[in-house]
Amino acid sequence: MKIYIGNLSQEVLEDELKGLFEPFGIVSNINIIKDKSTGQPKGFAFLEVEGKAKGFNAINELNGKEVKEKKIIVKRARNKPQDRFFAKSRRY
């Protein structure tokens, strides 16, 4: 299950996220999102926990938990639209 983690401190590292989520299952594909121009973390990340039940347990237990003096937001990640052209509608 893919999980979104928001309101992250910029000091949080991938290993720390892995350690936080490992008690709930095998963790893979950790991705801390960074600004393309500065390389600084944007304050959110995505990771995958093997199994839906384990993912929901992680969400329930970790949402609102304080990590590096910030309460993190943990929820199921939404699916990314396949075609970005259709994801954004613009009027001209």
PDB file of N, CA and C in Angstrom:
ATOM      1  N   MET A   1       0.845  -1.178   0.000  1.00  0.00           N
ATOM      2  CA  MET A   1       0.000   0.000   0.000  1.00  0.00           C
ATOM      3  C   MET A   1       0.890   1.240   0.000  1.00  0.00           C
ATOM      4  N   LYS A   2       0.568   2.180  -0.867  1.00  0.00           N
ATOM      5  CA  LYS A   2       1.323   3.423  -0.938  1.00  0.00           C
ATOM      6  C   LYS A   2       0.756   4.413   0.081  1.00  0.00           C
ATOM      7  N   ILE A   3       1.656   5.035   0.837  1.00  0.00           N
ATOM      8  CA  ILE A   3       1.274   5.925   1.928  1.00  0.00           C
ATOM      9  C   ILE A   3       1.907   7.296   1.737  1.00  0.00           C
ATOM     10  N   TYR A   4       1.120   8.319   2.016  1.00  0.00           N
ATOM     11  CA  TYR A   4       1.570   9.718   1.999  1.00  0.00           C
ATOM     12  C   TYR A   4       1.906  10.124   3.428  1.00  0.00           C
ATOM     13  N   ILE A   5       3.047  10.804   3.601  1.00  0.00           N
ATOM     14  CA  ILE A   5       3.424  11.354   4.900  1.00  0.00           C
ATOM     15  C   ILE A   5       3.646  12.850   4.700  1.00  0.00           C
ATOM     16  N   GLY A   6       2.863  13.666   5.390  1.00  0.00           N
ATOM     17  CA  GLY A   6       2.959  15.114   5.253  1.00  0.00           C
ATOM     18  C   GLY A   6       3.379  15.779   6.551  1.00  0.00           C
ATOM     19  N   ASN A   7       3.649  17.080   6.449  1.00  0.00           N
ATOM     20  CA  ASN A   7       4.095  17.910   7.568  1.00  0.00           C
ATOM     21  C   ASN A   7       5.399  17.378   8.172  1.00  0.00           C
ATOM     22  N   LEU A   8       6.297  16.922   7.285  1.00  0.00           N
ATOM     23  CA  LEU A   8       7.593  16.401   7.731  1.00  0.00           C
ATOM     24  C   LEU A   8       8.582  17.533   7.968  1.00  0.00           C
ATOM     25  N   SER A   9       9.381  17.364   8.979  1.00  0.00           N
ATOM     26  CA  SER A   9      10.503  18.273   9.202  1.00  0.00           C
ATOM     27  C   SER A   9      11.504  18.073   8.065  1.00  0.00           C
ATOM     28  N   GLN A  10      12.203  19.130   7.689  1.00  0.00           N
ATOM     29  CA  GLN A  10      13.199  19.015   6.619  1.00  0.00           C
ATOM     30  C   GLN A  10      14.392  18.161   7.029  1.00  0.00           C
ATOM     31  N   GLU A  11      14.537  17.886   8.319  1.00  0.00           N
ATOM     32  CA  GLU A  11      15.662  17.079   8.792  1.00  0.00           C
ATOM     33  C   GLU A  11      15.400  15.573   8.751  1.00  0.00           C
ATOM     34  N   VAL A  12      14.173  15.151   8.476  1.00  0.00           N
ATOM     35  CA  VAL A  12      13.840  13.727   8.474  1.00  0.00           C
ATOM     36  C   VAL A  12      14.521  13.041   7.283  1.00  0.00           C
ATOM     37  N   LEU A  13      15.166  11.908   7.575  1.00  0.00           N
ATOM     38  CA  LEU A  13      15.879  11.142   6.556  1.00  0.00           C
ATOM     39  C   LEU A  13      15.098   9.884   6.193  1.00  0.00           C
ATOM     40  N   GLU A  14      15.433   9.297   5.033  1.00  0.00           N
ATOM     41  CA  GLU A  14      14.766   8.069   4.587  1.00  0.00           C
ATOM     42  C   GLU A  14      14.891   6.956   5.617  1.00  0.00           C
ATOM     43  N   ASP A  15      16.063   6.784   6.209  1.00  0.00           N
ATOM     44  CA  ASP A  15      16.271   5.728   7.205  1.00  0.00           C
ATOM     45  C   ASP A  15      15.352   5.913   8.419  1.00  0.00           C
ATOM     46  N   GLU A  16      15.112   7.165   8.795  1.00  0.00           N
ATOM     47  CA  GLU A  16      14.216   7.430   9.929  1.00  0.00           C
ATOM     48  C   GLU A  16      12.774   7.056   9.591  1.00  0.00           C
ATOM     49  N   LEU A  17      12.346   7.372   8.365  1.00  0.00           N
ATOM     50  CA  LEU A  17      10.995   6.990   7.956  1.00  0.00           C
ATOM     51  C   LEU A  17      10.863   5.474   7.900  1.00  0.00           C
ATOM     52  N   LYS A  18      11.882   4.827   7.377  1.00  0.00           N
ATOM     53  CA  LYS A  18      11.858   3.365   7.310  1.00  0.00           C
ATOM     54  C   LYS A  18      11.742   2.772   8.715  1.00  0.00           C
ATOM     55  N   GLY A  19      12.516   3.283   9.649  1.00  0.00           N
ATOM     56  CA  GLY A  19      12.461   2.801  11.025  1.00  0.00           C
ATOM     57  C   GLY A  19      11.115   3.041  11.685  1.00  0.00           C
ATOM     58  N   LEU A  20      10.480   4.138  11.340  1.00  0.00           N
ATOM     59  CA  LEU A  20       9.180   4.480  11.896  1.00  0.00           C
ATOM     60  C   LEU A  20       8.083   3.530  11.394  1.00  0.00           C
ATOM     61  N   PHE A  21       8.165   3.132  10.121  1.00  0.00           N
ATOM     62  CA  PHE A  21       7.121   2.322   9.505  1.00  0.00           C
ATOM     63  C   PHE A  21       7.401   0.822   9.517  1.00  0.00           C
ATOM     64  N   GLU A  22       8.643   0.400   9.727  1.00  0.00           N
ATOM     65  CA  GLU A  22       8.987  -1.022   9.696  1.00  0.00           C
ATOM     66  C   GLU A  22       8.227  -1.889  10.699  1.00  0.00           C
ATOM     67  N   PRO A  23       7.882  -1.402  11.889  1.00  0.00           N
ATOM     68  CA  PRO A  23       7.115  -2.263  12.794  1.00  0.00           C
ATOM     69  C   PRO A  23       5.763  -2.716  12.211  1.00  0.00           C
ATOM     70  N   PHE A  24       5.302  -2.054  11.154  1.00  0.00           N
ATOM     71  CA  PHE A  24       4.009  -2.377  10.562  1.00  0.00           C
ATOM     72  C   PHE A  24       4.121  -3.268   9.334  1.00  0.00           C
ATOM     73  N   GLY A  25       5.333  -3.502   8.846  1.00  0.00           N
ATOM     74  CA  GLY A  25       5.517  -4.347   7.673  1.00  0.00           C
ATOM     75  C   GLY A  25       6.751  -3.957   6.887  1.00  0.00           C
ATOM     76  N   ILE A  26       6.994  -4.703   5.831  1.00  0.00           N
ATOM     77  CA  ILE A  26       8.154  -4.444   4.977  1.00  0.00           C
ATOM     78  C   ILE A  26       7.947  -3.120   4.246  1.00  0.00           C
ATOM     79  N   VAL A  27       8.933  -2.238   4.346  1.00  0.00           N
ATOM     80  CA  VAL A  27       8.861  -0.907   3.742  1.00  0.00           C
ATOM     81  C   VAL A  27       9.716  -0.881   2.482  1.00  0.00           C
ATOM     82  N   SER A  28       9.172  -0.305   1.408  1.00  0.00           N
ATOM     83  CA  SER A  28       9.940  -0.163   0.173  1.00  0.00           C
ATOM     84  C   SER A  28       9.621   1.168  -0.489  1.00  0.00           C
ATOM     85  N   ASN A  29      10.439   1.532  -1.442  1.00  0.00           N
ATOM     86  CA  ASN A  29      10.214   2.720  -2.272  1.00  0.00           C
ATOM     87  C   ASN A  29       9.966   3.993  -1.481  1.00  0.00           C
ATOM     88  N   ILE A  30      10.856   4.328  -0.582  1.00  0.00           N
ATOM     89  CA  ILE A  30      10.731   5.580   0.164  1.00  0.00           C
ATOM     90  C   ILE A  30      11.164   6.727  -0.743  1.00  0.00           C
ATOM     91  N   ASN A  31      10.339   7.773  -0.795  1.00  0.00           N
ATOM     92  CA  ASN A  31      10.645   8.910  -1.655  1.00  0.00           C
ATOM     93  C   ASN A  31      10.294  10.207  -0.935  1.00  0.00           C
ATOM     94  N   ILE A  32      11.313  10.883  -0.417  1.00  0.00           N
ATOM     95  CA  ILE A  32      11.120  12.210   0.181  1.00  0.00           C
ATOM     96  C   ILE A  32      11.148  13.207  -0.970  1.00  0.00           C
ATOM     97  N   ILE A  33      10.084  13.951  -1.137  1.00  0.00           N
ATOM     98  CA  ILE A  33       9.950  14.869  -2.267  1.00  0.00           C
ATOM     99  C   ILE A  33      10.773  16.126  -1.996  1.00  0.00           C
ATOM    100  N   LYS A  34      11.577  16.497  -3.009  1.00  0.00           N
ATOM    101  CA  LYS A  34      12.461  17.661  -2.891  1.00  0.00           C
ATOM    102  C   LYS A  34      12.173  18.669  -3.986  1.00  0.00           C
ATOM    103  N   ASP A  35      12.443  19.926  -3.684  1.00  0.00           N
ATOM    104  CA  ASP A  35      12.302  21.006  -4.641  1.00  0.00           C
ATOM    105  C   ASP A  35      13.343  20.819  -5.746  1.00  0.00           C
ATOM    106  N   LYS A  36      12.913  20.913  -6.993  1.00  0.00           N
ATOM    107  CA  LYS A  36      13.826  20.680  -8.116  1.00  0.00           C
ATOM    108  C   LYS A  36      14.947  21.709  -8.203  1.00  0.00           C
ATOM    109  N   SER A  37      14.654  22.953  -7.861  1.00  0.00           N
ATOM    110  CA  SER A  37      15.673  23.990  -8.009  1.00  0.00           C
ATOM    111  C   SER A  37      16.626  24.084  -6.812  1.00  0.00           C
ATOM    112  N   THR A  38      16.116  23.847  -5.606  1.00  0.00           N
ATOM    113  CA  THR A  38      16.981  24.001  -4.424  1.00  0.00           C
ATOM    114  C   THR A  38      17.476  22.675  -3.861  1.00  0.00           C
ATOM    115  N   GLY A  39      16.758  21.587  -4.146  1.00  0.00           N
ATOM    116  CA  GLY A  39      17.133  20.298  -3.587  1.00  0.00           C
ATOM    117  C   GLY A  39      16.690  20.113  -2.142  1.00  0.00           C
ATOM    118  N   GLN A  40      15.995  21.096  -1.592  1.00  0.00           N
ATOM    119  CA  GLN A  40      15.520  21.020  -0.209  1.00  0.00           C
ATOM    120  C   GLN A  40      14.231  20.204  -0.138  1.00  0.00           C
ATOM    121  N   PRO A  41      14.058  19.420   0.926  1.00  0.00           N
ATOM    122  CA  PRO A  41      12.814  18.662   1.081  1.00  0.00           C
ATOM    123  C   PRO A  41      11.606  19.598   1.156  1.00  0.00           C
ATOM    124  N   LYS A  42      10.502  19.177   0.546  1.00  0.00           N
ATOM    125  CA  LYS A  42       9.278  19.978   0.524  1.00  0.00           C
ATOM    126  C   LYS A  42       8.382  19.735   1.729  1.00  0.00           C
ATOM    127  N   GLY A  43       8.718  18.733   2.557  1.00  0.00           N
ATOM    128  CA  GLY A  43       7.920  18.495   3.754  1.00  0.00           C
ATOM    129  C   GLY A  43       6.935  17.348   3.621  1.00  0.00           C
ATOM    130  N   PHE A  44       7.074  16.557   2.553  1.00  0.00           N
ATOM    131  CA  PHE A  44       6.230  15.381   2.436  1.00  0.00           C
ATOM    132  C   PHE A  44       6.974  14.269   1.717  1.00  0.00           C
ATOM    133  N   ALA A  45       6.453  13.053   1.874  1.00  0.00           N
ATOM    134  CA  ALA A  45       7.105  11.882   1.297  1.00  0.00           C
ATOM    135  C   ALA A  45       6.067  10.817   0.983  1.00  0.00           C
ATOM    136  N   PHE A  46       6.500   9.825   0.225  1.00  0.00           N
ATOM    137  CA  PHE A  46       5.696   8.654  -0.073  1.00  0.00           C
ATOM    138  C   PHE A  46       6.530   7.421   0.232  1.00  0.00           C
ATOM    139  N   LEU A  47       5.856   6.371   0.682  1.00  0.00           N
ATOM    140  CA  LEU A  47       6.520   5.084   0.851  1.00  0.00           C
ATOM    141  C   LEU A  47       5.498   3.993   0.670  1.00  0.00           C
ATOM    142  N   GLU A  48       5.987   2.775   0.536  1.00  0.00           N
ATOM    143  CA  GLU A  48       5.094   1.639   0.389  1.00  0.00           C
ATOM    144  C   GLU A  48       5.316   0.666   1.523  1.00  0.00           C
ATOM    145  N   VAL A  49       4.197   0.179   2.074  1.00  0.00           N
ATOM    146  CA  VAL A  49       4.213  -0.868   3.092  1.00  0.00           C
ATOM    147  C   VAL A  49       3.535  -2.079   2.470  1.00  0.00           C
ATOM    148  N   GLU A  50       4.175  -3.233   2.589  1.00  0.00           N
ATOM    149  CA  GLU A  50       3.636  -4.454   1.995  1.00  0.00           C
ATOM    150  C   GLU A  50       2.348  -4.879   2.700  1.00  0.00           C
ATOM    151  N   GLY A  51       1.252  -4.933   1.967  1.00  0.00           N
ATOM    152  CA  GLY A  51      -0.032  -5.385   2.509  1.00  0.00           C
ATOM    153  C   GLY A  51      -0.932  -4.245   2.943  1.00  0.00           C
ATOM    154  N   LYS A  52      -2.195  -4.308   2.522  1.00  0.00           N
ATOM    155  CA  LYS A  52      -3.164  -3.257   2.870  1.00  0.00           C
ATOM    156  C   LYS A  52      -3.439  -3.185   4.366  1.00  0.00           C
ATOM    157  N   ALA A  53      -3.622  -4.336   4.999  1.00  0.00           N
ATOM    158  CA  ALA A  53      -3.927  -4.336   6.439  1.00  0.00           C
ATOM    159  C   ALA A  53      -2.798  -3.694   7.226  1.00  0.00           C
ATOM    160  N   LYS A  54      -1.571  -4.012   6.871  1.00  0.00           N
ATOM    161  CA  LYS A  54      -0.420  -3.428   7.564  1.00  0.00           C
ATOM    162  C   LYS A  54      -0.316  -1.939   7.279  1.00  0.00           C
ATOM    163  N   GLY A  55      -0.649  -1.551   6.050  1.00  0.00           N
ATOM    164  CA  GLY A  55      -0.645  -0.138   5.696  1.00  0.00           C
ATOM    165  C   GLY A  55      -1.659   0.653   6.493  1.00  0.00           C
ATOM    166  N   PHE A  56      -2.878   0.118   6.615  1.00  0.00           N
ATOM    167  CA  PHE A  56      -3.911   0.802   7.393  1.00  0.00           C
ATOM    168  C   PHE A  56      -3.544   0.854   8.877  1.00  0.00           C
ATOM    169  N   ASN A  57      -2.896  -0.193   9.387  1.00  0.00           N
ATOM    170  CA  ASN A  57      -2.425  -0.161  10.778  1.00  0.00           C
ATOM    171  C   ASN A  57      -1.413   0.961  10.976  1.00  0.00           C
ATOM    172  N   ALA A  58      -0.480   1.103  10.025  1.00  0.00           N
ATOM    173  CA  ALA A  58       0.523   2.169  10.105  1.00  0.00           C
ATOM    174  C   ALA A  58      -0.151   3.537  10.093  1.00  0.00           C
ATOM    175  N   ILE A  59      -1.127   3.716   9.208  1.00  0.00           N
ATOM    176  CA  ILE A  59      -1.847   4.990   9.118  1.00  0.00           C
ATOM    177  C   ILE A  59      -2.528   5.301  10.439  1.00  0.00           C
ATOM    178  N   ASN A  60      -3.241   4.335  10.981  1.00  0.00           N
ATOM    179  CA  ASN A  60      -3.981   4.543  12.235  1.00  0.00           C
ATOM    180  C   ASN A  60      -3.059   4.843  13.410  1.00  0.00           C
ATOM    181  N   GLU A  61      -1.929   4.196  13.458  1.00  0.00           N
ATOM    182  CA  GLU A  61      -1.009   4.365  14.594  1.00  0.00           C
ATOM    183  C   GLU A  61      -0.119   5.608  14.478  1.00  0.00           C
ATOM    184  N   LEU A  62       0.240   5.988  13.254  1.00  0.00           N
ATOM    185  CA  LEU A  62       1.241   7.045  13.093  1.00  0.00           C
ATOM    186  C   LEU A  62       0.668   8.413  12.734  1.00  0.00           C
ATOM    187  N   ASN A  63      -0.563   8.488  12.268  1.00  0.00           N
ATOM    188  CA  ASN A  63      -1.141   9.787  11.933  1.00  0.00           C
ATOM    189  C   ASN A  63      -1.224  10.642  13.198  1.00  0.00           C
ATOM    190  N   GLY A  64      -0.633  11.819  13.154  1.00  0.00           N
ATOM    191  CA  GLY A  64      -0.623  12.722  14.301  1.00  0.00           C
ATOM    192  C   GLY A  64       0.556  12.524  15.240  1.00  0.00           C
ATOM    193  N   LYS A  65       1.399  11.530  14.962  1.00  0.00           N
ATOM    194  CA  LYS A  65       2.572  11.277  15.804  1.00  0.00           C
ATOM    195  C   LYS A  65       3.586  12.406  15.630  1.00  0.00           C
ATOM    196  N   GLU A  66       4.233  12.783  16.716  1.00  0.00           N
ATOM    197  CA  GLU A  66       5.235  13.840  16.655  1.00  0.00           C
ATOM    198  C   GLU A  66       6.585  13.249  16.243  1.00  0.00           C
ATOM    199  N   VAL A  67       7.145  13.811  15.172  1.00  0.00           N
ATOM    200  CA  VAL A  67       8.451  13.400  14.663  1.00  0.00           C
ATOM    201  C   VAL A  67       9.272  14.665  14.463  1.00  0.00           C
ATOM    202  N   LYS A  68      10.360  14.773  15.183  1.00  0.00           N
ATOM    203  CA  LYS A  68      11.231  15.959  15.122  1.00  0.00           C
ATOM    204  C   LYS A  68      10.428  17.241  15.338  1.00  0.00           C
ATOM    205  N   GLU A  69       9.612  17.222  16.405  1.00  0.00           N
ATOM    206  CA  GLU A  69       8.833  18.371  16.860  1.00  0.00           C
ATOM    207  C   GLU A  69       7.719  18.809  15.912  1.00  0.00           C
ATOM    208  N   LYS A  70       7.294  17.923  14.991  1.00  0.00           N
ATOM    209  CA  LYS A  70       6.172  18.223  14.099  1.00  0.00           C
ATOM    210  C   LYS A  70       5.233  17.027  14.078  1.00  0.00           C
ATOM    211  N   LYS A  71       3.930  17.295  14.157  1.00  0.00           N
ATOM    212  CA  LYS A  71       2.948  16.215  14.060  1.00  0.00           C
ATOM    213  C   LYS A  71       2.757  15.862  12.588  1.00  0.00           C
ATOM    214  N   ILE A  72       3.089  14.618  12.248  1.00  0.00           N
ATOM    215  CA  ILE A  72       3.003  14.210  10.855  1.00  0.00           C
ATOM    216  C   ILE A  72       1.574  13.815  10.476  1.00  0.00           C
ATOM    217  N   ILE A  73       1.294  13.948   9.196  1.00  0.00           N
ATOM    218  CA  ILE A  73       0.028  13.521   8.609  1.00  0.00           C
ATOM    219  C   ILE A  73       0.325  12.245   7.840  1.00  0.00           C
ATOM    220  N   VAL A  74      -0.398  11.188   8.149  1.00  0.00           N
ATOM    221  CA  VAL A  74      -0.184   9.911   7.474  1.00  0.00           C
ATOM    222  C   VAL A  74      -1.523   9.439   6.928  1.00  0.00           C
ATOM    223  N   LYS A  75      -1.579   9.209   5.613  1.00  0.00           N
ATOM    224  CA  LYS A  75      -2.815   8.722   5.001  1.00  0.00           C
ATOM    225  C   LYS A  75      -2.486   7.948   3.728  1.00  0.00           C
ATOM    226  N   ARG A  76      -3.477   7.243   3.243  1.00  0.00           N
ATOM    227  CA  ARG A  76      -3.293   6.473   2.017  1.00  0.00           C
ATOM    228  C   ARG A  76      -3.068   7.444   0.864  1.00  0.00           C
ATOM    229  N   ALA A  77      -2.060   7.142   0.056  1.00  0.00           N
ATOM    230  CA  ALA A  77      -1.754   8.003  -1.087  1.00  0.00           C
ATOM    231  C   ALA A  77      -2.812   7.826  -2.166  1.00  0.00           C
ATOM    232  N   ARG A  78      -3.147   8.914  -2.809  1.00  0.00           N
ATOM    233  CA  ARG A  78      -4.079   8.854  -3.935  1.00  0.00           C
ATOM    234  C   ARG A  78      -3.318   8.430  -5.181  1.00  0.00           C
ATOM    235  N   ASN A  79      -4.033   7.815  -6.109  1.00  0.00           N
ATOM    236  CA  ASN A  79      -3.414   7.434  -7.376  1.00  0.00           C
ATOM    237  C   ASN A  79      -3.171   8.667  -8.218  1.00  0.00           C
ATOM    238  N   LYS A  80      -2.029   8.706  -8.847  1.00  0.00           N
ATOM    239  CA  LYS A  80      -1.646   9.807  -9.714  1.00  0.00           C
ATOM    240  C   LYS A  80      -2.372   9.658 -11.057  1.00  0.00           C
ATOM    241  N   PRO A  81      -2.925  10.738 -11.596  1.00  0.00           N
ATOM    242  CA  PRO A  81      -3.578  10.630 -12.911  1.00  0.00           C
ATOM    243  C   PRO A  81      -2.585  10.148 -13.965  1.00  0.00           C
ATOM    244  N   GLN A  82      -3.060   9.335 -14.889  1.00  0.00           N
ATOM    245  CA  GLN A  82      -2.183   8.779 -15.919  1.00  0.00           C
ATOM    246  C   GLN A  82      -1.719   9.836 -16.919  1.00  0.00           C
ATOM    247  N   ASP A  83      -2.581  10.750 -17.253  1.00  0.00           N
ATOM    248  CA  ASP A  83      -2.247  11.765 -18.248  1.00  0.00           C
ATOM    249  C   ASP A  83      -2.413  13.140 -17.620  1.00  0.00           C
ATOM    250  N   ARG A  84      -1.319  13.838 -17.416  1.00  0.00           N
ATOM    251  CA  ARG A  84      -1.366  15.130 -16.739  1.00  0.00           C
ATOM    252  C   ARG A  84      -2.154  16.169 -17.537  1.00  0.00           C
ATOM    253  N   PHE A  85      -2.223  16.005 -18.869  1.00  0.00           N
ATOM    254  CA  PHE A  85      -2.975  16.945 -19.693  1.00  0.00           C
ATOM    255  C   PHE A  85      -4.441  16.963 -19.277  1.00  0.00           C
ATOM    256  N   PHE A  86      -4.992  15.784 -19.018  1.00  0.00           N
ATOM    257  CA  PHE A  86      -6.393  15.703 -18.647  1.00  0.00           C
ATOM    258  C   PHE A  86      -6.626  15.965 -17.173  1.00  0.00           C
ATOM    259  N   ALA A  87      -5.574  15.897 -16.352  1.00  0.00           N
ATOM    260  CA  ALA A  87      -5.716  16.106 -14.924  1.00  0.00           C
ATOM    261  C   ALA A  87      -5.985  17.585 -14.602  1.00  0.00           C
ATOM    262  N   LYS A  88      -5.477  18.476 -15.434  1.00  0.00           N
ATOM    263  CA  LYS A  88      -5.658  19.903 -15.187  1.00  0.00           C
ATOM    264  C   LYS A  88      -6.504  20.476 -16.332  1.00  0.00           C
ATOM    265  N   SER A  89      -7.606  21.026 -15.985  1.00  0.00           N
ATOM    266  CA  SER A  89      -8.414  21.646 -17.034  1.00  0.00           C
ATOM    267  C   SER A  89      -8.166  23.140 -17.005  1.00  0.00           C
ATOM    268  N   ARG A  90      -7.943  23.681 -18.158  1.00  0.00           N
ATOM    269  CA  ARG A  90      -7.698  25.122 -18.261  1.00  0.00           C
ATOM    270  C   ARG A  90      -8.691  25.711 -19.246  1.00  0.00           C
ATOM    271  N   ARG A  91      -9.115  26.906 -18.949  1.00  0.00           N
ATOM    272  CA  ARG A  91      -9.999  27.620 -19.863  1.00  0.00           C
ATOM    273  C   ARG A  91      -9.229  28.744 -20.507  1.00  0.00           C
ATOM    274  N   TYR A  92      -9.424  28.868 -21.794  1.00  0.00           N
ATOM    275  CA  TYR A  92      -8.734  29.929 -22.527  1.00  0.00           C
ATOM    276  C   TYR A  92      -9.710  30.927 -23.054  1.00  0.00           C
TER     277      TYR A  92
END
